[in-house]
Structure formats: C-alpha cells, structure tokens
Amino acid sequence: MPERRCGVGGYGLFGDDGLLASHVAAHIVFYIAAALHIGLVLEHQLVDRDHLLHRML
C-alpha cells in the first residue's frame, strides 16, 4: 500500500522540490520588499525630514 502524505497535491510538506523552491523564492521577495519599505520610511523620516510618518500615524 502506498504511503499517504498530507500537503498540496499529495506531496509531503517538503517532498516536492518545486514547491520548496517557490516557497523560498517567495520569502526572499517578501524580505526584499520589506527591507525596501523600511529603507524608504527611514529616508522620509531622517533624510527628507518631511514628517510623513507623523502625518500617517
């Protein structure tokens, strides 16, 4: 009897390399977007000094 696995498409959680690769790629894209966002917030707050963060909060 074949082993039953839970997950997407009957694959184990990390059984399919394609799903793992896309998952890791999505994490990398997310962290890059978050770092860019934080960098832009700091630029507005510390370099431009336009008090944009204060107006948003």
C-alpha atoms as a PDB file:
ATOM      1  CA  MET A   1       0.000   0.000   0.000  1.00  0.00           C
ATOM      2  CA  PRO A   2       1.443   3.428  -0.952  1.00  0.00           C
ATOM      3  CA  GLU A   3       2.261   5.854   1.800  1.00  0.00           C
ATOM      4  CA  ARG A   4      -0.306   8.664   2.245  1.00  0.00           C
ATOM      5  CA  ARG A   5       1.091  12.161   2.581  1.00  0.00           C
ATOM      6  CA  CYS A   6      -0.537  15.395   3.576  1.00  0.00           C
ATOM      7  CA  GLY A   7       0.066  18.600   1.691  1.00  0.00           C
ATOM      8  CA  VAL A   8      -0.543  20.197  -1.663  1.00  0.00           C
ATOM      9  CA  GLY A   9      -1.186  17.741  -4.444  1.00  0.00           C
ATOM     10  CA  GLY A  10      -0.486  14.715  -2.254  1.00  0.00           C
ATOM     11  CA  TYR A  11       3.146  15.663  -1.769  1.00  0.00           C
ATOM     12  CA  GLY A  12       4.722  15.829   1.668  1.00  0.00           C
ATOM     13  CA  LEU A  13       5.430  19.189   3.215  1.00  0.00           C
ATOM     14  CA  PHE A  14       8.887  19.360   1.628  1.00  0.00           C
ATOM     15  CA  GLY A  15       8.633  16.359  -0.646  1.00  0.00           C
ATOM     16  CA  ASP A  16       8.441  18.285  -3.886  1.00  0.00           C
ATOM     17  CA  ASP A  17      11.464  20.439  -4.677  1.00  0.00           C
ATOM     18  CA  GLY A  18       9.404  22.741  -6.901  1.00  0.00           C
ATOM     19  CA  LEU A  19       7.150  23.748  -4.043  1.00  0.00           C
ATOM     20  CA  LEU A  20      10.103  24.273  -1.728  1.00  0.00           C
ATOM     21  CA  ALA A  21      11.946  26.395  -4.291  1.00  0.00           C
ATOM     22  CA  SER A  22       8.930  28.612  -4.932  1.00  0.00           C
ATOM     23  CA  HIS A  23       8.329  28.923  -1.191  1.00  0.00           C
ATOM     24  CA  VAL A  24      11.915  30.051  -0.566  1.00  0.00           C
ATOM     25  CA  ALA A  25      11.762  32.436  -3.543  1.00  0.00           C
ATOM     26  CA  ALA A  26       8.565  33.993  -2.173  1.00  0.00           C
ATOM     27  CA  HIS A  27      10.273  34.502   1.189  1.00  0.00           C
ATOM     28  CA  ILE A  28      13.229  36.212  -0.455  1.00  0.00           C
ATOM     29  CA  VAL A  29      10.961  38.530  -2.445  1.00  0.00           C
ATOM     30  CA  PHE A  30       8.968  39.351   0.684  1.00  0.00           C
ATOM     31  CA  TYR A  31      12.068  40.189   2.727  1.00  0.00           C
ATOM     32  CA  ILE A  32      13.492  42.360  -0.060  1.00  0.00           C
ATOM     33  CA  ALA A  33      10.184  44.257  -0.319  1.00  0.00           C
ATOM     34  CA  ALA A  34      10.047  44.713   3.465  1.00  0.00           C
ATOM     35  CA  ALA A  35      13.658  45.965   3.575  1.00  0.00           C
ATOM     36  CA  LEU A  36      12.982  48.434   0.753  1.00  0.00           C
ATOM     37  CA  HIS A  37       9.863  49.679   2.508  1.00  0.00           C
ATOM     38  CA  ILE A  38      11.697  50.206   5.801  1.00  0.00           C
ATOM     39  CA  GLY A  39      14.536  51.945   3.944  1.00  0.00           C
ATOM     40  CA  LEU A  40      12.127  54.342   2.268  1.00  0.00           C
ATOM     41  CA  VAL A  41      10.402  55.084   5.576  1.00  0.00           C
ATOM     42  CA  LEU A  42      13.764  55.882   7.165  1.00  0.00           C
ATOM     43  CA  GLU A  43      14.692  58.078   4.211  1.00  0.00           C
ATOM     44  CA  HIS A  44      11.499  60.119   4.619  1.00  0.00           C
ATOM     45  CA  GLN A  45      11.953  60.333   8.369  1.00  0.00           C
ATOM     46  CA  LEU A  46      15.706  61.010   8.651  1.00  0.00           C
ATOM     47  CA  VAL A  47      16.883  62.454   5.312  1.00  0.00           C
ATOM     48  CA  ASP A  48      13.909  64.345   3.881  1.00  0.00           C
ATOM     49  CA  ARG A  49      12.519  65.248   7.323  1.00  0.00           C
ATOM     50  CA  ASP A  50       9.075  65.768   5.823  1.00  0.00           C
ATOM     51  CA  HIS A  51       7.285  64.234   8.866  1.00  0.00           C
ATOM     52  CA  LEU A  52       5.371  61.875   6.601  1.00  0.00           C
ATOM     53  CA  LEU A  53       5.327  59.117   9.238  1.00  0.00           C
ATOM     54  CA  HIS A  54       3.852  61.511  11.817  1.00  0.00           C
ATOM     55  CA  ARG A  55       1.101  62.534   9.395  1.00  0.00           C
ATOM     56  CA  MET A  56       0.232  58.890   8.652  1.00  0.00           C
ATOM     57  CA  LEU A  57       0.026  57.931  12.307  1.00  0.00           C
END
